[in-house]
Amino acid sequence: MNALSDLIRVNTHSSIRLQLGEKLIYIDPFRLEQSPHDADLILITHEHFDHFSPDDIEKVGRTDTLFILPASMEQTAAAALAGCRLRFVRPGETGCAEGIRFEAIPAYNPDKPFHPKQQGWVGYLLQAEGHSIYIAGDTDATSEAAAVVCDAALLPIGGTYTMNAAEAAALANSIRPALVIPVHYGSVAGAPEDFDRFAKAVDPAIRVCRLI
């Protein structure tokens, strides 16, 4: 069985690619340089330009690709992704897509205006091939995030729009995945140095992997 870190790639920012068994999954594809058209499943966390980019989606999508998106994006997605296979989910919803079990985890800012809870935006907890992987999306360290149990967590650390490096490290130390991968820093938000701040604050028993 491949190591968890071998299954995960981060293109940039929060643009993530997962290989789970025979299924290739993209989360929030963004700033892609190639057009492989190889996605079995595309997950979108919310509608901001750096997470929902139709131009980048077109580079990895196929006619049979299944999309999972927040229910609040139904009108936006129906217009931008006309003719595609679309499935809409609400925070807390569970299901199975292309053989991948998933739970939509609420993703929001309790005290900032950028990602209001009422929008119903989400992160995803994915389970397949004996692995559980949490992609937090744009969120602060909420009670819902703190309740996640997973083998690997991809957490935003750039601050401003999400939790910062210290807050993300505290969340990692609380949920204690075997592997944690920081995202959402160094380009659209945050600085490259945020990785070092994050890594120093994470419990040494938790492996921190730099993919950006």
N, C-alpha and C. Protein backbone atom coordinates (compact mmCIF):
# COMPACT_ATOMS: atom_id res chain seq x y z
N MET A 1 0.85 -1.19 0.00
CA MET A 1 0.00 0.00 0.00
C MET A 1 0.89 1.25 0.00
N ASN A 2 0.55 2.22 -0.86
CA ASN A 2 1.34 3.43 -0.94
C ASN A 2 1.23 4.24 0.35
N ALA A 3 2.31 4.96 0.68
CA ALA A 3 2.26 5.88 1.80
C ALA A 3 1.26 6.99 1.47
N LEU A 4 0.63 7.52 2.52
CA LEU A 4 -0.37 8.56 2.30
C LEU A 4 0.17 9.72 1.49
N SER A 5 1.36 10.16 1.83
CA SER A 5 1.91 11.33 1.13
C SER A 5 2.15 11.07 -0.35
N ASP A 6 2.28 9.80 -0.74
CA ASP A 6 2.47 9.47 -2.16
C ASP A 6 1.17 9.58 -2.94
N LEU A 7 0.04 9.60 -2.24
CA LEU A 7 -1.26 9.65 -2.91
C LEU A 7 -1.76 11.06 -3.12
N ILE A 8 -1.08 12.04 -2.52
CA ILE A 8 -1.57 13.41 -2.46
C ILE A 8 -0.61 14.35 -3.17
N ARG A 9 -1.14 15.22 -4.02
CA ARG A 9 -0.36 16.28 -4.63
C ARG A 9 -1.09 17.61 -4.44
N VAL A 10 -0.32 18.66 -4.21
CA VAL A 10 -0.88 20.00 -4.15
C VAL A 10 -0.26 20.79 -5.29
N ASN A 11 -1.09 21.21 -6.23
CA ASN A 11 -0.59 21.97 -7.37
C ASN A 11 -0.12 23.35 -6.93
N THR A 12 -0.96 24.07 -6.24
CA THR A 12 -0.66 25.37 -5.66
C THR A 12 -1.82 25.72 -4.75
N HIS A 13 -1.60 26.60 -3.80
CA HIS A 13 -2.69 27.15 -3.00
C HIS A 13 -3.50 26.01 -2.36
N SER A 14 -4.77 25.83 -2.77
CA SER A 14 -5.60 24.73 -2.27
C SER A 14 -6.05 23.81 -3.40
N SER A 15 -5.27 23.76 -4.45
CA SER A 15 -5.56 22.91 -5.60
C SER A 15 -4.92 21.54 -5.36
N ILE A 16 -5.77 20.55 -5.09
CA ILE A 16 -5.30 19.25 -4.56
C ILE A 16 -5.69 18.12 -5.52
N ARG A 17 -4.80 17.15 -5.63
CA ARG A 17 -5.04 15.96 -6.46
C ARG A 17 -4.79 14.73 -5.61
N LEU A 18 -5.76 13.81 -5.58
CA LEU A 18 -5.66 12.58 -4.80
C LEU A 18 -5.82 11.38 -5.71
N GLN A 19 -5.02 10.36 -5.47
CA GLN A 19 -5.19 9.07 -6.14
C GLN A 19 -5.62 8.08 -5.08
N LEU A 20 -6.87 7.66 -5.11
CA LEU A 20 -7.39 6.68 -4.16
C LEU A 20 -7.81 5.44 -4.93
N GLY A 21 -7.00 4.40 -4.85
CA GLY A 21 -7.27 3.22 -5.66
C GLY A 21 -7.19 3.57 -7.13
N GLU A 22 -8.23 3.22 -7.88
CA GLU A 22 -8.26 3.52 -9.30
C GLU A 22 -8.87 4.88 -9.60
N LYS A 23 -9.30 5.60 -8.59
CA LYS A 23 -10.00 6.86 -8.79
C LYS A 23 -9.07 8.06 -8.60
N LEU A 24 -9.13 8.98 -9.55
CA LEU A 24 -8.35 10.22 -9.48
C LEU A 24 -9.31 11.36 -9.12
N ILE A 25 -8.98 12.06 -8.05
CA ILE A 25 -9.86 13.07 -7.48
C ILE A 25 -9.14 14.41 -7.45
N TYR A 26 -9.82 15.45 -7.89
CA TYR A 26 -9.31 16.81 -7.78
C TYR A 26 -10.20 17.59 -6.83
N ILE A 27 -9.58 18.40 -5.99
CA ILE A 27 -10.32 19.31 -5.12
C ILE A 27 -9.90 20.73 -5.47
N ASP A 28 -10.85 21.56 -5.83
CA ASP A 28 -10.62 22.98 -6.15
C ASP A 28 -9.47 23.18 -7.14
N PRO A 29 -9.52 22.56 -8.33
CA PRO A 29 -8.42 22.73 -9.29
C PRO A 29 -8.23 24.21 -9.66
N PHE A 30 -6.96 24.65 -9.68
CA PHE A 30 -6.66 26.07 -9.83
C PHE A 30 -5.24 26.23 -10.37
N ARG A 31 -5.08 27.13 -11.33
CA ARG A 31 -3.77 27.44 -11.91
C ARG A 31 -3.04 26.20 -12.41
N LEU A 32 -3.76 25.36 -13.13
CA LEU A 32 -3.16 24.15 -13.71
C LEU A 32 -2.44 24.50 -15.00
N GLU A 33 -1.27 23.91 -15.20
CA GLU A 33 -0.49 24.18 -16.40
C GLU A 33 -0.76 23.19 -17.51
N GLN A 34 -1.30 22.01 -17.17
CA GLN A 34 -1.56 20.99 -18.18
C GLN A 34 -3.05 20.67 -18.22
N SER A 35 -3.45 19.94 -19.23
CA SER A 35 -4.87 19.58 -19.42
C SER A 35 -5.01 18.08 -19.60
N PRO A 36 -4.88 17.31 -18.51
CA PRO A 36 -4.88 15.85 -18.65
C PRO A 36 -6.27 15.24 -18.85
N HIS A 37 -7.33 15.97 -18.52
CA HIS A 37 -8.70 15.44 -18.65
C HIS A 37 -8.80 14.04 -18.04
N ASP A 38 -8.38 13.92 -16.80
CA ASP A 38 -8.28 12.60 -16.17
C ASP A 38 -9.06 12.46 -14.86
N ALA A 39 -9.90 13.41 -14.53
CA ALA A 39 -10.59 13.39 -13.24
C ALA A 39 -11.79 12.44 -13.26
N ASP A 40 -11.81 11.52 -12.30
CA ASP A 40 -13.02 10.74 -12.07
C ASP A 40 -14.02 11.53 -11.23
N LEU A 41 -13.48 12.34 -10.33
CA LEU A 41 -14.30 13.06 -9.36
C LEU A 41 -13.67 14.42 -9.11
N ILE A 42 -14.47 15.47 -9.15
CA ILE A 42 -14.01 16.82 -8.82
C ILE A 42 -14.86 17.35 -7.68
N LEU A 43 -14.21 17.72 -6.59
CA LEU A 43 -14.89 18.28 -5.42
C LEU A 43 -14.60 19.77 -5.35
N ILE A 44 -15.62 20.55 -5.13
CA ILE A 44 -15.49 21.99 -4.98
C ILE A 44 -15.95 22.36 -3.57
N THR A 45 -15.12 23.16 -2.88
CA THR A 45 -15.46 23.52 -1.50
C THR A 45 -16.35 24.75 -1.42
N HIS A 46 -16.13 25.73 -2.31
CA HIS A 46 -16.96 26.94 -2.31
C HIS A 46 -16.70 27.73 -3.58
N GLU A 47 -17.38 28.85 -3.73
CA GLU A 47 -17.45 29.50 -5.03
C GLU A 47 -16.41 30.59 -5.27
N HIS A 48 -15.52 30.89 -4.35
CA HIS A 48 -14.51 31.91 -4.59
C HIS A 48 -13.60 31.52 -5.75
N PHE A 49 -13.07 32.51 -6.46
CA PHE A 49 -12.37 32.28 -7.73
C PHE A 49 -11.18 31.33 -7.59
N ASP A 50 -10.55 31.32 -6.43
CA ASP A 50 -9.36 30.47 -6.24
C ASP A 50 -9.72 29.05 -5.82
N HIS A 51 -11.00 28.75 -5.81
CA HIS A 51 -11.48 27.40 -5.48
C HIS A 51 -12.44 26.86 -6.54
N PHE A 52 -13.17 27.76 -7.19
CA PHE A 52 -14.07 27.36 -8.27
C PHE A 52 -13.63 28.11 -9.52
N SER A 53 -12.80 27.43 -10.32
CA SER A 53 -12.23 28.02 -11.53
C SER A 53 -12.66 27.19 -12.73
N PRO A 54 -13.72 27.60 -13.45
CA PRO A 54 -14.18 26.80 -14.59
C PRO A 54 -13.10 26.54 -15.63
N ASP A 55 -12.19 27.48 -15.84
CA ASP A 55 -11.13 27.27 -16.82
C ASP A 55 -10.23 26.10 -16.41
N ASP A 56 -9.92 26.01 -15.13
CA ASP A 56 -9.07 24.91 -14.66
C ASP A 56 -9.86 23.61 -14.57
N ILE A 57 -11.12 23.69 -14.21
CA ILE A 57 -11.97 22.50 -14.19
C ILE A 57 -12.01 21.86 -15.57
N GLU A 58 -12.09 22.69 -16.61
CA GLU A 58 -12.15 22.17 -17.97
C GLU A 58 -10.90 21.37 -18.32
N LYS A 59 -9.76 21.72 -17.71
CA LYS A 59 -8.49 21.05 -18.03
C LYS A 59 -8.44 19.62 -17.49
N VAL A 60 -9.18 19.34 -16.43
CA VAL A 60 -9.11 18.00 -15.84
C VAL A 60 -10.41 17.21 -16.02
N GLY A 61 -11.51 17.89 -16.33
CA GLY A 61 -12.79 17.22 -16.45
C GLY A 61 -12.93 16.40 -17.73
N ARG A 62 -13.78 15.38 -17.65
CA ARG A 62 -14.18 14.58 -18.81
C ARG A 62 -15.70 14.62 -18.89
N THR A 63 -16.26 14.02 -19.92
CA THR A 63 -17.72 14.01 -20.05
C THR A 63 -18.37 13.19 -18.95
N ASP A 64 -17.64 12.22 -18.39
CA ASP A 64 -18.22 11.37 -17.36
C ASP A 64 -17.77 11.74 -15.95
N THR A 65 -17.01 12.81 -15.78
CA THR A 65 -16.55 13.23 -14.46
C THR A 65 -17.74 13.62 -13.59
N LEU A 66 -17.73 13.17 -12.34
CA LEU A 66 -18.76 13.56 -11.39
C LEU A 66 -18.26 14.71 -10.53
N PHE A 67 -19.10 15.72 -10.38
CA PHE A 67 -18.78 16.88 -9.55
C PHE A 67 -19.60 16.84 -8.27
N ILE A 68 -18.96 17.18 -7.17
CA ILE A 68 -19.67 17.38 -5.91
C ILE A 68 -19.41 18.82 -5.47
N LEU A 69 -20.49 19.53 -5.18
CA LEU A 69 -20.41 20.94 -4.85
C LEU A 69 -21.39 21.28 -3.74
N PRO A 70 -21.15 22.38 -3.01
CA PRO A 70 -22.13 22.81 -2.01
C PRO A 70 -23.47 23.15 -2.66
N ALA A 71 -24.54 22.85 -1.96
CA ALA A 71 -25.88 23.09 -2.50
C ALA A 71 -26.11 24.57 -2.81
N SER A 72 -25.46 25.45 -2.09
CA SER A 72 -25.63 26.89 -2.32
C SER A 72 -25.06 27.32 -3.67
N MET A 73 -24.28 26.46 -4.32
CA MET A 73 -23.70 26.78 -5.62
C MET A 73 -24.52 26.25 -6.78
N GLU A 74 -25.71 25.78 -6.53
CA GLU A 74 -26.46 25.09 -7.58
C GLU A 74 -26.66 25.96 -8.82
N GLN A 75 -27.08 27.20 -8.66
CA GLN A 75 -27.31 28.05 -9.82
C GLN A 75 -26.00 28.39 -10.53
N THR A 76 -24.98 28.73 -9.76
CA THR A 76 -23.68 29.06 -10.35
C THR A 76 -23.12 27.89 -11.13
N ALA A 77 -23.18 26.70 -10.55
CA ALA A 77 -22.60 25.52 -11.19
C ALA A 77 -23.41 25.10 -12.41
N ALA A 78 -24.73 25.22 -12.32
CA ALA A 78 -25.57 24.83 -13.44
C ALA A 78 -25.25 25.66 -14.68
N ALA A 79 -24.91 26.93 -14.48
CA ALA A 79 -24.57 27.79 -15.61
C ALA A 79 -23.16 27.52 -16.11
N ALA A 80 -22.20 27.37 -15.18
CA ALA A 80 -20.79 27.22 -15.57
C ALA A 80 -20.46 25.81 -16.04
N LEU A 81 -21.21 24.83 -15.55
CA LEU A 81 -20.89 23.42 -15.84
C LEU A 81 -22.07 22.73 -16.52
N ALA A 82 -22.71 23.42 -17.43
CA ALA A 82 -23.88 22.88 -18.12
C ALA A 82 -23.52 21.57 -18.81
N GLY A 83 -24.37 20.57 -18.61
CA GLY A 83 -24.17 19.27 -19.23
C GLY A 83 -23.30 18.33 -18.43
N CYS A 84 -22.72 18.80 -17.31
CA CYS A 84 -21.86 17.94 -16.49
C CYS A 84 -22.69 17.19 -15.45
N ARG A 85 -22.12 16.13 -14.92
CA ARG A 85 -22.76 15.36 -13.85
C ARG A 85 -22.52 16.08 -12.53
N LEU A 86 -23.56 16.63 -11.96
CA LEU A 86 -23.44 17.45 -10.76
C LEU A 86 -24.20 16.82 -9.60
N ARG A 87 -23.57 16.85 -8.43
CA ARG A 87 -24.21 16.41 -7.20
C ARG A 87 -23.97 17.49 -6.15
N PHE A 88 -25.04 17.92 -5.50
CA PHE A 88 -24.94 19.00 -4.54
C PHE A 88 -25.15 18.47 -3.13
N VAL A 89 -24.33 18.98 -2.19
CA VAL A 89 -24.37 18.48 -0.82
C VAL A 89 -24.48 19.65 0.16
N ARG A 90 -24.98 19.32 1.33
CA ARG A 90 -25.10 20.30 2.41
C ARG A 90 -24.15 19.91 3.54
N PRO A 91 -23.74 20.88 4.35
CA PRO A 91 -22.85 20.58 5.48
C PRO A 91 -23.42 19.45 6.35
N GLY A 92 -22.59 18.49 6.69
CA GLY A 92 -23.01 17.36 7.50
C GLY A 92 -23.50 16.17 6.70
N GLU A 93 -23.71 16.34 5.41
CA GLU A 93 -24.22 15.25 4.57
C GLU A 93 -23.13 14.22 4.32
N THR A 94 -23.52 12.96 4.29
CA THR A 94 -22.61 11.87 3.96
C THR A 94 -23.12 11.15 2.73
N GLY A 95 -22.22 10.45 2.07
CA GLY A 95 -22.63 9.71 0.89
C GLY A 95 -21.47 8.95 0.29
N CYS A 96 -21.70 8.43 -0.90
CA CYS A 96 -20.67 7.68 -1.62
C CYS A 96 -20.70 8.14 -3.07
N ALA A 97 -19.53 8.40 -3.63
CA ALA A 97 -19.43 8.86 -5.01
C ALA A 97 -18.25 8.17 -5.67
N GLU A 98 -18.51 7.48 -6.77
CA GLU A 98 -17.45 6.77 -7.50
C GLU A 98 -16.67 5.83 -6.57
N GLY A 99 -17.38 5.24 -5.62
CA GLY A 99 -16.75 4.31 -4.69
C GLY A 99 -16.02 4.96 -3.54
N ILE A 100 -16.06 6.29 -3.44
CA ILE A 100 -15.40 7.04 -2.38
C ILE A 100 -16.44 7.50 -1.38
N ARG A 101 -16.30 7.09 -0.13
CA ARG A 101 -17.20 7.58 0.92
C ARG A 101 -16.78 8.99 1.31
N PHE A 102 -17.76 9.85 1.54
CA PHE A 102 -17.43 11.22 1.88
C PHE A 102 -18.39 11.77 2.93
N GLU A 103 -17.90 12.76 3.64
CA GLU A 103 -18.73 13.57 4.53
C GLU A 103 -18.41 15.03 4.24
N ALA A 104 -19.43 15.85 4.08
CA ALA A 104 -19.24 17.28 3.87
C ALA A 104 -19.13 17.96 5.24
N ILE A 105 -17.96 18.46 5.55
CA ILE A 105 -17.69 19.09 6.85
C ILE A 105 -17.90 20.60 6.72
N PRO A 106 -18.68 21.23 7.59
CA PRO A 106 -18.86 22.68 7.50
C PRO A 106 -17.53 23.40 7.48
N ALA A 107 -17.41 24.41 6.62
CA ALA A 107 -16.19 25.22 6.50
C ALA A 107 -16.62 26.69 6.53
N TYR A 108 -16.18 27.42 7.55
CA TYR A 108 -16.67 28.79 7.71
C TYR A 108 -15.79 29.57 8.68
N ASN A 109 -16.00 30.88 8.70
CA ASN A 109 -15.36 31.78 9.65
C ASN A 109 -16.38 32.21 10.69
N PRO A 110 -16.19 31.88 11.95
CA PRO A 110 -17.14 32.33 12.98
C PRO A 110 -17.14 33.85 13.18
N ASP A 111 -15.97 34.49 13.02
CA ASP A 111 -15.84 35.89 13.38
C ASP A 111 -15.28 36.76 12.26
N LYS A 112 -15.26 36.25 11.04
CA LYS A 112 -14.78 37.02 9.89
C LYS A 112 -15.83 36.95 8.79
N PRO A 113 -15.84 37.92 7.89
CA PRO A 113 -16.94 37.99 6.91
C PRO A 113 -16.73 37.16 5.65
N PHE A 114 -15.59 36.53 5.48
CA PHE A 114 -15.24 35.98 4.17
C PHE A 114 -15.97 34.68 3.82
N HIS A 115 -16.21 33.84 4.83
CA HIS A 115 -16.86 32.54 4.60
C HIS A 115 -17.96 32.36 5.66
N PRO A 116 -19.10 33.01 5.46
CA PRO A 116 -20.18 32.93 6.46
C PRO A 116 -20.74 31.52 6.55
N LYS A 117 -21.08 31.12 7.75
CA LYS A 117 -21.61 29.77 7.96
C LYS A 117 -22.89 29.53 7.17
N GLN A 118 -23.69 30.58 7.02
CA GLN A 118 -24.98 30.41 6.34
C GLN A 118 -24.85 30.11 4.85
N GLN A 119 -23.66 30.29 4.28
CA GLN A 119 -23.46 29.95 2.87
C GLN A 119 -23.46 28.44 2.65
N GLY A 120 -23.19 27.68 3.71
CA GLY A 120 -23.20 26.23 3.55
C GLY A 120 -22.02 25.69 2.78
N TRP A 121 -20.89 26.38 2.84
CA TRP A 121 -19.68 25.88 2.18
C TRP A 121 -19.05 24.78 3.02
N VAL A 122 -18.18 23.99 2.38
CA VAL A 122 -17.76 22.75 3.04
C VAL A 122 -16.29 22.42 2.78
N GLY A 123 -15.76 21.57 3.64
CA GLY A 123 -14.59 20.75 3.36
C GLY A 123 -15.07 19.33 3.17
N TYR A 124 -14.17 18.40 2.94
CA TYR A 124 -14.57 17.01 2.69
C TYR A 124 -13.69 16.05 3.47
N LEU A 125 -14.32 15.08 4.10
CA LEU A 125 -13.63 13.94 4.69
C LEU A 125 -13.87 12.75 3.76
N LEU A 126 -12.80 12.25 3.15
CA LEU A 126 -12.89 11.18 2.17
C LEU A 126 -12.34 9.89 2.76
N GLN A 127 -13.01 8.77 2.46
CA GLN A 127 -12.59 7.47 2.96
C GLN A 127 -12.60 6.46 1.83
N ALA A 128 -11.43 5.86 1.59
CA ALA A 128 -11.30 4.82 0.57
C ALA A 128 -9.93 4.17 0.71
N GLU A 129 -9.84 2.92 0.27
CA GLU A 129 -8.57 2.20 0.25
C GLU A 129 -7.90 2.17 1.62
N GLY A 130 -8.71 2.16 2.68
CA GLY A 130 -8.16 2.11 4.03
C GLY A 130 -7.64 3.43 4.55
N HIS A 131 -7.86 4.52 3.83
CA HIS A 131 -7.39 5.83 4.24
C HIS A 131 -8.57 6.76 4.51
N SER A 132 -8.37 7.69 5.42
CA SER A 132 -9.34 8.78 5.62
C SER A 132 -8.57 10.09 5.52
N ILE A 133 -9.02 10.95 4.61
CA ILE A 133 -8.31 12.19 4.29
C ILE A 133 -9.28 13.35 4.43
N TYR A 134 -8.88 14.34 5.22
CA TYR A 134 -9.71 15.52 5.47
C TYR A 134 -9.13 16.70 4.70
N ILE A 135 -9.93 17.26 3.78
CA ILE A 135 -9.58 18.48 3.08
C ILE A 135 -10.46 19.57 3.67
N ALA A 136 -9.87 20.46 4.45
CA ALA A 136 -10.67 21.35 5.30
C ALA A 136 -11.38 22.46 4.53
N GLY A 137 -10.88 22.84 3.35
CA GLY A 137 -11.46 23.99 2.68
C GLY A 137 -11.09 25.28 3.40
N ASP A 138 -11.78 26.35 3.07
CA ASP A 138 -11.49 27.65 3.69
C ASP A 138 -12.28 27.77 4.98
N THR A 139 -11.60 27.56 6.09
CA THR A 139 -12.28 27.52 7.38
C THR A 139 -11.36 28.00 8.48
N ASP A 140 -11.95 28.37 9.58
CA ASP A 140 -11.21 28.56 10.81
C ASP A 140 -11.26 27.25 11.60
N ALA A 141 -10.64 27.27 12.75
CA ALA A 141 -10.60 26.06 13.60
C ALA A 141 -11.91 25.96 14.37
N THR A 142 -12.92 25.47 13.71
CA THR A 142 -14.27 25.37 14.28
C THR A 142 -14.44 24.10 15.09
N SER A 143 -15.55 24.02 15.80
CA SER A 143 -15.85 22.81 16.57
C SER A 143 -16.06 21.62 15.64
N GLU A 144 -16.61 21.87 14.45
CA GLU A 144 -16.81 20.78 13.50
C GLU A 144 -15.48 20.24 12.98
N ALA A 145 -14.54 21.14 12.72
CA ALA A 145 -13.21 20.70 12.29
C ALA A 145 -12.51 19.93 13.39
N ALA A 146 -12.68 20.38 14.63
CA ALA A 146 -12.02 19.73 15.76
C ALA A 146 -12.57 18.34 16.04
N ALA A 147 -13.76 18.03 15.50
CA ALA A 147 -14.37 16.72 15.72
C ALA A 147 -13.97 15.69 14.66
N VAL A 148 -13.22 16.11 13.64
CA VAL A 148 -12.86 15.20 12.55
C VAL A 148 -11.83 14.18 13.03
N VAL A 149 -12.02 12.94 12.61
CA VAL A 149 -11.05 11.86 12.85
C VAL A 149 -10.53 11.42 11.49
N CYS A 150 -9.21 11.51 11.29
CA CYS A 150 -8.66 11.21 9.96
C CYS A 150 -7.22 10.76 10.06
N ASP A 151 -6.74 10.15 8.99
CA ASP A 151 -5.34 9.76 8.88
C ASP A 151 -4.48 10.91 8.38
N ALA A 152 -5.04 11.72 7.49
CA ALA A 152 -4.31 12.86 6.92
C ALA A 152 -5.24 14.06 6.88
N ALA A 153 -4.68 15.24 7.15
CA ALA A 153 -5.46 16.47 7.13
C ALA A 153 -4.73 17.51 6.29
N LEU A 154 -5.46 18.14 5.37
CA LEU A 154 -4.94 19.25 4.60
C LEU A 154 -5.61 20.51 5.12
N LEU A 155 -4.84 21.35 5.80
CA LEU A 155 -5.37 22.47 6.56
C LEU A 155 -4.86 23.79 5.99
N PRO A 156 -5.74 24.80 5.87
CA PRO A 156 -5.27 26.12 5.45
C PRO A 156 -4.52 26.80 6.58
N ILE A 157 -3.43 27.51 6.23
CA ILE A 157 -2.62 28.12 7.28
C ILE A 157 -2.32 29.60 7.02
N GLY A 158 -2.82 30.17 5.93
CA GLY A 158 -2.39 31.49 5.50
C GLY A 158 -2.96 32.67 6.25
N GLY A 159 -3.96 32.43 7.12
CA GLY A 159 -4.55 33.54 7.84
C GLY A 159 -5.41 34.42 6.95
N THR A 160 -5.85 35.54 7.45
CA THR A 160 -6.73 36.52 6.79
C THR A 160 -8.09 35.91 6.48
N TYR A 161 -8.16 34.97 5.55
CA TYR A 161 -9.42 34.37 5.14
C TYR A 161 -9.71 33.06 5.86
N THR A 162 -8.71 32.50 6.51
CA THR A 162 -8.82 31.20 7.17
C THR A 162 -8.05 31.26 8.49
N MET A 163 -7.93 30.13 9.16
CA MET A 163 -7.04 30.06 10.31
C MET A 163 -5.61 30.36 9.89
N ASN A 164 -4.82 30.87 10.83
CA ASN A 164 -3.41 31.13 10.54
C ASN A 164 -2.57 29.92 10.94
N ALA A 165 -1.26 30.05 10.81
CA ALA A 165 -0.36 28.91 11.04
C ALA A 165 -0.48 28.39 12.47
N ALA A 166 -0.52 29.29 13.45
CA ALA A 166 -0.61 28.86 14.85
C ALA A 166 -1.94 28.18 15.14
N GLU A 167 -3.01 28.73 14.61
CA GLU A 167 -4.34 28.15 14.83
C GLU A 167 -4.46 26.79 14.15
N ALA A 168 -3.91 26.68 12.95
CA ALA A 168 -3.95 25.40 12.23
C ALA A 168 -3.11 24.35 12.95
N ALA A 169 -1.97 24.75 13.49
CA ALA A 169 -1.14 23.80 14.24
C ALA A 169 -1.87 23.31 15.49
N ALA A 170 -2.57 24.22 16.16
CA ALA A 170 -3.33 23.81 17.34
C ALA A 170 -4.44 22.83 16.96
N LEU A 171 -5.08 23.05 15.81
CA LEU A 171 -6.10 22.11 15.34
C LEU A 171 -5.46 20.76 15.03
N ALA A 172 -4.33 20.75 14.35
CA ALA A 172 -3.64 19.49 14.04
C ALA A 172 -3.28 18.75 15.32
N ASN A 173 -2.80 19.46 16.32
CA ASN A 173 -2.43 18.83 17.59
C ASN A 173 -3.64 18.28 18.32
N SER A 174 -4.82 18.85 18.03
CA SER A 174 -6.05 18.38 18.67
C SER A 174 -6.60 17.13 17.98
N ILE A 175 -6.67 17.14 16.66
CA ILE A 175 -7.27 15.99 15.96
C ILE A 175 -6.27 14.87 15.69
N ARG A 176 -4.98 15.20 15.70
CA ARG A 176 -3.89 14.23 15.68
C ARG A 176 -3.94 13.24 14.50
N PRO A 177 -3.93 13.75 13.26
CA PRO A 177 -3.75 12.84 12.13
C PRO A 177 -2.31 12.33 12.11
N ALA A 178 -2.08 11.24 11.43
CA ALA A 178 -0.70 10.77 11.26
C ALA A 178 0.10 11.73 10.38
N LEU A 179 -0.60 12.37 9.44
CA LEU A 179 0.03 13.25 8.46
C LEU A 179 -0.77 14.53 8.34
N VAL A 180 -0.08 15.67 8.31
CA VAL A 180 -0.76 16.94 8.08
C VAL A 180 -0.02 17.69 6.99
N ILE A 181 -0.79 18.25 6.05
CA ILE A 181 -0.24 18.97 4.91
C ILE A 181 -0.84 20.37 4.90
N PRO A 182 -0.04 21.40 5.07
CA PRO A 182 -0.59 22.76 5.03
C PRO A 182 -0.85 23.23 3.60
N VAL A 183 -1.93 23.97 3.42
CA VAL A 183 -2.31 24.54 2.13
C VAL A 183 -2.77 25.97 2.35
N HIS A 184 -3.15 26.62 1.26
CA HIS A 184 -3.72 27.98 1.31
C HIS A 184 -2.73 28.98 1.92
N TYR A 185 -1.51 28.95 1.41
CA TYR A 185 -0.50 29.91 1.83
C TYR A 185 0.51 30.08 0.70
N GLY A 186 1.19 31.21 0.69
CA GLY A 186 2.30 31.40 -0.23
C GLY A 186 1.95 31.95 -1.59
N SER A 187 0.66 32.12 -1.92
CA SER A 187 0.32 32.71 -3.22
C SER A 187 -0.85 33.67 -3.04
N VAL A 188 -2.08 33.19 -3.12
CA VAL A 188 -3.25 34.06 -2.99
C VAL A 188 -3.33 34.65 -1.58
N ALA A 189 -2.97 33.86 -0.59
CA ALA A 189 -3.00 34.31 0.81
C ALA A 189 -1.80 33.74 1.53
N GLY A 190 -1.37 34.42 2.58
CA GLY A 190 -0.26 33.92 3.38
C GLY A 190 1.08 34.05 2.68
N ALA A 191 2.12 33.65 3.39
CA ALA A 191 3.50 33.75 2.89
C ALA A 191 4.17 32.38 2.96
N PRO A 192 5.22 32.16 2.15
CA PRO A 192 5.93 30.88 2.22
C PRO A 192 6.43 30.56 3.63
N GLU A 193 6.77 31.59 4.39
CA GLU A 193 7.29 31.40 5.74
C GLU A 193 6.25 30.81 6.70
N ASP A 194 4.99 30.85 6.31
CA ASP A 194 3.95 30.28 7.16
C ASP A 194 4.17 28.79 7.38
N PHE A 195 4.77 28.12 6.40
CA PHE A 195 5.04 26.69 6.59
C PHE A 195 5.93 26.46 7.80
N ASP A 196 6.99 27.23 7.92
CA ASP A 196 7.92 27.04 9.04
C ASP A 196 7.23 27.33 10.37
N ARG A 197 6.40 28.36 10.41
CA ARG A 197 5.67 28.68 11.65
C ARG A 197 4.75 27.52 12.02
N PHE A 198 4.10 26.98 11.03
CA PHE A 198 3.19 25.86 11.26
C PHE A 198 3.94 24.62 11.73
N ALA A 199 4.97 24.25 11.00
CA ALA A 199 5.70 23.02 11.29
C ALA A 199 6.31 23.04 12.69
N LYS A 200 6.81 24.19 13.11
CA LYS A 200 7.43 24.29 14.44
C LYS A 200 6.41 24.13 15.56
N ALA A 201 5.15 24.47 15.28
CA ALA A 201 4.12 24.42 16.32
C ALA A 201 3.38 23.08 16.37
N VAL A 202 3.58 22.23 15.38
CA VAL A 202 2.91 20.93 15.35
C VAL A 202 3.69 19.93 16.21
N ASP A 203 2.96 19.12 16.94
CA ASP A 203 3.57 18.07 17.77
C ASP A 203 4.52 17.22 16.91
N PRO A 204 5.74 16.98 17.36
CA PRO A 204 6.69 16.19 16.56
C PRO A 204 6.20 14.78 16.23
N ALA A 205 5.23 14.27 16.97
CA ALA A 205 4.70 12.94 16.68
C ALA A 205 3.85 12.92 15.41
N ILE A 206 3.45 14.10 14.94
CA ILE A 206 2.64 14.22 13.73
C ILE A 206 3.56 14.59 12.57
N ARG A 207 3.50 13.84 11.50
CA ARG A 207 4.35 14.14 10.34
C ARG A 207 3.78 15.34 9.58
N VAL A 208 4.63 16.33 9.34
CA VAL A 208 4.26 17.50 8.53
C VAL A 208 4.94 17.36 7.17
N CYS A 209 4.14 17.46 6.12
CA CYS A 209 4.67 17.29 4.75
C CYS A 209 4.46 18.57 3.96
N ARG A 210 5.53 19.06 3.36
CA ARG A 210 5.44 20.27 2.54
C ARG A 210 5.27 19.90 1.08
N LEU A 211 4.12 20.28 0.49
CA LEU A 211 3.84 19.95 -0.90
C LEU A 211 3.72 21.20 -1.78
N ILE A 212 3.80 22.38 -1.19
CA ILE A 212 3.79 23.62 -1.95
C ILE A 212 5.20 24.21 -1.91
